[in-house]
Protein backbone atom coordinates (compact mmCIF):
# COMPACT_ATOMS: atom_id res chain seq x y z
CA UNK A 1 16.94 40.49 -17.28
CA UNK A 2 15.44 42.95 -15.23
CA UNK A 3 15.82 42.94 -11.27
CA UNK A 4 12.07 41.99 -10.63
CA UNK A 5 11.63 39.09 -12.78
CA UNK A 6 15.23 37.97 -10.66
CA UNK A 7 13.82 38.67 -7.54
CA UNK A 8 10.95 36.60 -8.48
CA UNK A 9 13.00 33.58 -9.77
CA UNK A 10 15.15 33.64 -6.50
CA UNK A 11 11.68 33.57 -4.27
CA UNK A 12 10.67 30.83 -6.37
CA UNK A 13 13.63 29.20 -6.03
CA UNK A 14 13.83 29.40 -2.35
CA UNK A 15 9.96 28.20 -1.98
CA UNK A 16 11.51 25.11 -4.16
CA UNK A 17 13.92 24.65 -1.22
CA UNK A 18 11.97 24.59 1.42
CA UNK A 19 9.31 22.36 -0.24
CA UNK A 20 11.59 19.68 -1.10
CA UNK A 21 13.32 20.11 2.71
CA UNK A 22 9.90 19.61 4.08
CA UNK A 23 9.08 16.69 2.38
CA UNK A 24 12.41 14.80 2.90
CA UNK A 25 11.42 15.65 6.54
CA UNK A 26 8.05 14.09 6.43
CA UNK A 27 9.22 10.93 4.08
CA UNK A 28 12.52 9.90 5.80
CA UNK A 29 10.67 7.70 8.47
CA UNK A 30 8.37 6.10 5.92
CA UNK A 31 11.44 5.66 3.88
CA UNK A 32 13.31 3.96 6.32
CA UNK A 33 11.01 1.59 7.68
CA UNK A 34 9.97 0.59 4.07
CA UNK A 35 13.09 -0.19 3.74
CA UNK A 36 13.57 -2.43 7.12
CA UNK A 37 10.69 -4.09 6.28
CA UNK A 38 12.89 -6.16 3.40
CA UNK A 39 15.56 -7.14 5.95
CA UNK A 40 16.23 -10.97 6.92
CA UNK A 41 13.79 -11.93 9.22
CA UNK A 42 15.14 -11.38 12.86
CA UNK A 43 17.64 -8.66 11.84
CA UNK A 44 19.31 -5.73 13.70
CA UNK A 45 17.35 -2.22 13.05
CA UNK A 46 19.69 -0.57 9.52
CA UNK A 47 18.33 1.60 7.21
CA UNK A 48 20.02 -0.37 3.97
CA UNK A 49 19.67 -4.29 4.65
CA UNK A 50 22.93 -5.16 2.62
CA UNK A 51 21.73 -8.25 1.32
CA UNK A 52 18.85 -11.28 1.29
CA UNK A 53 16.28 -8.88 0.04
CA UNK A 54 13.04 -10.40 0.93
CA UNK A 55 8.95 -10.65 1.73
CA UNK A 56 8.96 -13.19 3.84
CA UNK A 57 8.66 -10.69 6.86
CA UNK A 58 5.31 -9.64 4.74
CA UNK A 59 3.73 -13.13 4.19
CA UNK A 60 4.90 -13.57 7.64
CA UNK A 61 2.74 -10.31 8.96
CA UNK A 62 0.19 -10.97 7.60
CA UNK A 63 -0.77 -14.30 8.55
CA UNK A 64 0.79 -13.93 12.27
CA UNK A 65 -0.89 -10.84 12.33
CA UNK A 66 -4.01 -12.21 11.26
CA UNK A 67 -4.81 -8.86 8.94
CA UNK A 68 -7.30 -10.20 6.76
CA UNK A 69 -10.43 -9.92 8.80
CA UNK A 70 -9.26 -6.52 10.29
CA UNK A 71 -8.64 -5.57 7.03
CA UNK A 72 -11.97 -6.52 6.46
CA UNK A 73 -13.58 -4.69 9.89
CA UNK A 74 -11.89 -1.63 8.98
CA UNK A 75 -13.02 -1.04 5.95
CA UNK A 76 -16.72 -1.49 6.77
CA UNK A 77 -16.01 0.62 10.26
CA UNK A 78 -14.06 3.37 7.72
CA UNK A 79 -16.85 3.29 4.86
CA UNK A 80 -20.01 3.52 7.16
CA UNK A 81 -18.38 6.01 9.18
CA UNK A 82 -17.55 8.15 6.45
CA UNK A 83 -20.78 7.47 4.23
CA UNK A 84 -22.94 8.50 7.76
CA UNK A 85 -20.45 11.67 7.88
CA UNK A 86 -20.91 12.84 4.48
CA UNK A 87 -24.91 12.67 4.58
CA UNK A 88 -25.71 14.14 8.02
CA UNK A 89 -22.62 16.90 6.83
CA UNK A 90 -24.85 18.06 3.52
CA UNK A 91 -27.63 18.08 5.01
CA UNK A 92 -27.08 20.33 8.30
CA UNK A 93 -24.33 22.35 6.36
CA UNK A 94 -27.02 22.88 3.61
CA UNK A 95 -29.70 24.19 6.45
CA UNK A 96 -26.59 26.15 8.14
CA UNK A 97 -26.12 27.63 4.34
CA UNK A 98 -29.00 28.15 3.19
CA UNK A 99 -32.44 28.21 5.86
CA UNK A 100 -33.04 31.67 7.31
CA UNK A 101 -34.11 30.48 10.83
CA UNK A 102 -33.63 31.72 14.80
CA UNK A 103 -30.54 30.76 15.99
CA UNK A 104 -28.37 29.64 13.21
CA UNK A 105 -26.15 31.59 14.38
CA UNK A 106 -25.41 30.38 17.76
CA UNK A 107 -26.41 26.43 16.60
CA UNK A 108 -23.06 27.15 13.89
CA UNK A 109 -21.64 28.30 17.54
CA UNK A 110 -21.91 25.37 19.36
CA UNK A 111 -21.44 22.97 15.99
CA UNK A 112 -17.76 24.51 16.05
CA UNK A 113 -17.27 24.36 19.46
CA UNK A 114 -16.79 20.55 19.68
CA UNK A 115 -14.09 20.70 17.40
CA UNK A 116 -12.44 21.91 20.62
CA UNK A 117 -13.54 18.72 23.05
CA UNK A 118 -11.53 15.81 23.02
CA UNK A 119 -13.04 12.16 22.22
CA UNK A 120 -10.99 10.77 24.71
CA UNK A 121 -13.39 13.46 27.61
CA UNK A 122 -16.83 12.48 25.76
CA UNK A 123 -15.61 8.14 26.29
CA UNK A 124 -17.39 7.79 29.18
CA UNK A 125 -21.05 9.34 28.48
CA UNK A 126 -21.00 7.02 24.85
CA UNK A 127 -19.88 4.33 26.57
CA UNK A 128 -22.87 4.39 29.02
CA UNK A 129 -25.38 4.79 25.67
CA UNK A 130 -23.36 2.04 24.39
CA UNK A 131 -23.94 0.24 27.38
CA UNK A 132 -28.11 1.34 27.60
CA UNK A 133 -28.15 0.46 23.76
CA UNK A 134 -26.58 -2.87 23.92
CA UNK A 135 -24.37 -1.92 21.53
CA UNK A 136 -20.93 -3.04 23.06
CA UNK A 137 -18.82 -5.09 21.31
CA UNK A 138 -21.11 -4.29 18.20
CA UNK A 139 -20.08 -2.49 15.02
CA UNK A 140 -22.59 -0.18 16.27
CA UNK A 141 -19.83 0.79 19.00
CA UNK A 142 -17.28 1.31 16.79
CA UNK A 143 -19.65 3.41 13.48
CA UNK A 144 -22.55 5.69 16.14
CA UNK A 145 -19.71 7.46 17.75
CA UNK A 146 -18.21 9.26 14.57
CA UNK A 147 -21.25 9.32 12.40
CA UNK A 148 -21.45 13.14 12.93
CA UNK A 149 -18.75 15.65 12.55
CA UNK A 150 -18.60 19.10 13.32
CA UNK A 151 -15.83 19.47 11.05
CA UNK A 152 -17.71 18.04 8.11
CA UNK A 153 -20.93 20.07 9.03
CA UNK A 154 -18.60 23.70 8.89
CA UNK A 155 -16.71 22.23 5.69
CA UNK A 156 -19.85 21.92 3.85
CA UNK A 157 -21.70 25.29 5.25
CA UNK A 158 -19.16 26.93 3.91
CA UNK A 159 -18.14 25.38 0.79
CA UNK A 160 -22.34 25.81 0.39
CA UNK A 161 -22.03 29.36 0.80
CA UNK A 162 -19.72 29.70 -2.16
CA UNK A 163 -21.89 29.00 -4.65
CA UNK A 164 -24.61 31.14 -6.21
CA UNK A 165 -27.97 31.40 -4.54
CA UNK A 166 -29.38 32.28 -8.82
CA UNK A 167 -28.41 28.05 -9.34
CA UNK A 168 -30.66 27.16 -6.59
CA UNK A 169 -33.79 29.12 -7.73
CA UNK A 170 -33.54 28.07 -11.67
CA UNK A 171 -34.00 24.59 -10.01
CA UNK A 172 -36.67 25.87 -7.71
CA UNK A 173 -38.50 27.70 -10.66
CA UNK A 174 -38.54 24.35 -12.27
CA UNK A 175 -39.86 22.79 -9.52
CA UNK A 176 -37.80 20.76 -7.50
CA UNK A 177 -37.81 21.05 -3.72
CA UNK A 178 -35.41 21.74 -0.87
CA UNK A 179 -33.62 17.72 -1.00
CA UNK A 180 -33.44 17.76 -5.11
CA UNK A 181 -31.90 20.94 -5.14
CA UNK A 182 -29.28 19.56 -2.41
CA UNK A 183 -28.77 16.18 -4.56
CA UNK A 184 -28.66 18.06 -7.92
CA UNK A 185 -27.27 21.29 -7.79
CA UNK A 186 -25.41 22.01 -4.49
CA UNK A 187 -23.78 18.18 -3.90
CA UNK A 188 -22.32 18.19 -7.55
CA UNK A 189 -20.69 21.24 -7.35
CA UNK A 190 -19.13 20.71 -4.02
CA UNK A 191 -17.50 17.82 -5.29
CA UNK A 192 -13.84 19.07 -3.51
CA UNK A 193 -15.81 19.40 -0.25
CA UNK A 194 -16.83 15.79 -0.45
CA UNK A 195 -13.79 14.63 -1.74
CA UNK A 196 -12.07 16.32 1.71
CA UNK A 197 -14.25 15.00 3.89
CA UNK A 198 -14.25 11.34 2.73
CA UNK A 199 -10.57 11.55 3.16
CA UNK A 200 -10.39 13.17 6.35
CA UNK A 201 -12.68 10.86 7.66
CA UNK A 202 -11.67 7.99 5.98
CA UNK A 203 -7.84 8.26 6.87
CA UNK A 204 -8.85 8.95 10.23
CA UNK A 205 -11.33 5.97 10.89
CA UNK A 206 -8.52 3.27 9.41
CA UNK A 207 -6.31 5.12 11.69
CA UNK A 208 -8.12 5.13 14.82
CA UNK A 209 -6.94 2.60 17.53
CA UNK A 210 -9.03 4.37 20.42
CA UNK A 211 -12.73 3.07 19.70
CA UNK A 212 -11.95 -0.77 19.67
CA UNK A 213 -9.66 -0.45 21.98
CA UNK A 214 -12.30 0.94 24.36
CA UNK A 215 -15.30 -0.42 23.25
CA UNK A 216 -14.91 -3.68 22.02
CA UNK A 217 -12.87 -7.16 23.22
CA UNK A 218 -14.29 -9.50 20.97
CA UNK A 219 -11.37 -10.67 18.59
CA UNK A 220 -13.18 -10.98 15.77
CA UNK A 221 -14.44 -6.96 15.25
CA UNK A 222 -10.32 -6.07 15.52
CA UNK A 223 -9.23 -3.24 13.16
CA UNK A 224 -5.97 -2.74 11.19
CA UNK A 225 -4.57 -0.57 14.29
CA UNK A 226 -5.70 -2.84 17.10
CA UNK A 227 -3.57 -5.90 15.12
CA UNK A 228 -0.91 -3.71 14.51
CA UNK A 229 -0.98 -2.73 18.32
CA UNK A 230 -1.44 -7.00 19.15
CA UNK A 231 1.51 -7.38 17.02
CA UNK A 232 3.77 -4.71 17.98
CA UNK A 233 4.04 -6.12 22.23
CA UNK A 234 4.18 -9.71 20.72
CA UNK A 235 7.14 -8.92 18.20
CA UNK A 236 9.23 -6.14 19.98
CA UNK A 237 12.68 -6.93 18.93
CA UNK A 238 11.62 -8.31 15.63
CA UNK A 239 12.50 -5.06 13.70
CA UNK A 240 11.76 -6.30 9.92
CA UNK A 241 9.18 -7.94 10.89
CA UNK A 242 7.46 -5.01 12.36
CA UNK A 243 8.01 -2.81 10.01
CA UNK A 244 6.42 -4.91 7.50
CA UNK A 245 3.45 -4.52 9.30
CA UNK A 246 3.20 -1.22 9.57
CA UNK A 247 3.87 -1.08 6.01
CA UNK A 248 1.24 -3.60 5.91
CA UNK A 249 -1.21 -1.28 7.59
CA UNK A 250 0.13 1.82 5.82
CA UNK A 251 -0.12 1.66 2.14
CA UNK A 252 -3.71 1.39 1.46
CA UNK A 253 -4.45 4.76 3.27
CA UNK A 254 -1.33 6.56 1.14
CA UNK A 255 -2.84 4.92 -1.85
CA UNK A 256 -6.24 6.60 -1.18
CA UNK A 257 -5.27 9.77 -0.32
CA UNK A 258 -2.65 10.07 -3.77
CA UNK A 259 -6.17 8.74 -5.93
CA UNK A 260 -8.61 10.74 -3.42
CA UNK A 261 -5.85 13.73 -4.51
CA UNK A 262 -6.11 13.22 -7.80
CA UNK A 263 -9.65 13.84 -7.87
CA UNK A 264 -10.20 16.57 -5.14
CA UNK A 265 -8.00 18.44 -8.29
CA UNK A 266 -10.56 17.52 -11.18
CA UNK A 267 -13.51 18.35 -9.49
CA UNK A 268 -11.75 21.61 -8.44
CA UNK A 269 -11.14 22.11 -11.99
CA UNK A 270 -14.53 21.18 -13.27
CA UNK A 271 -16.84 23.22 -10.80
CA UNK A 272 -15.20 26.16 -11.00
CA UNK A 273 -17.37 29.10 -11.61
CA UNK A 274 -17.69 32.65 -11.04
CA UNK A 275 -20.22 34.31 -8.98
């Protein structure tokens, strides 16, 4: 065995060890939450319940937290915001990537600048606009403030620039206009970027607590994170019940991420091409 091969394998073992350590650090809290949720109701906090493993905590947390309505609201808001962001990001990203007009670079810099502005700094003007539009305590207050996102525009703009212009020229020769080129040529090839934007947006909206807390007060508009926050206030000392509620709120997005990750890998393999 040559020295170069030995060094290569040593590097592989080191990388694998770092990966395993990092995965252990990330997954350990989730593992503790999951195991604690099966402890007997009202039991003290413990990592490994010794006996009486039960699903009673999940049934009680689901009923007391009224998570059915919260799941419906969070799903509706997350899907609506994700759809808005994909449409607006695709249109704006394509225009910035392909159309030549005065001020294009300046506009792109302004869009990038919005990424460094915390949403909390904009809450007062957004609240005033929503109040002026009579949207407070409506689904519009949960959807419209994040319907457009600079990250999505920049992501798709960068990805569109990697697609050969010759494909668009061929479609234009066949009589396709700009929107048809975007829909039939660019978006199918940008599937990896679209899946990435979908995952980031959906998971971000699902985990958002700030908007429901500030812009709504009606109980029928409660989202999962708001229901979870109220649940934790009521059952501060009941750790198994709290961990069951946290698991209920977390599992859907974890499953979605795993499914989206597989689709993301397939999208890269299916759309890879050389310039």
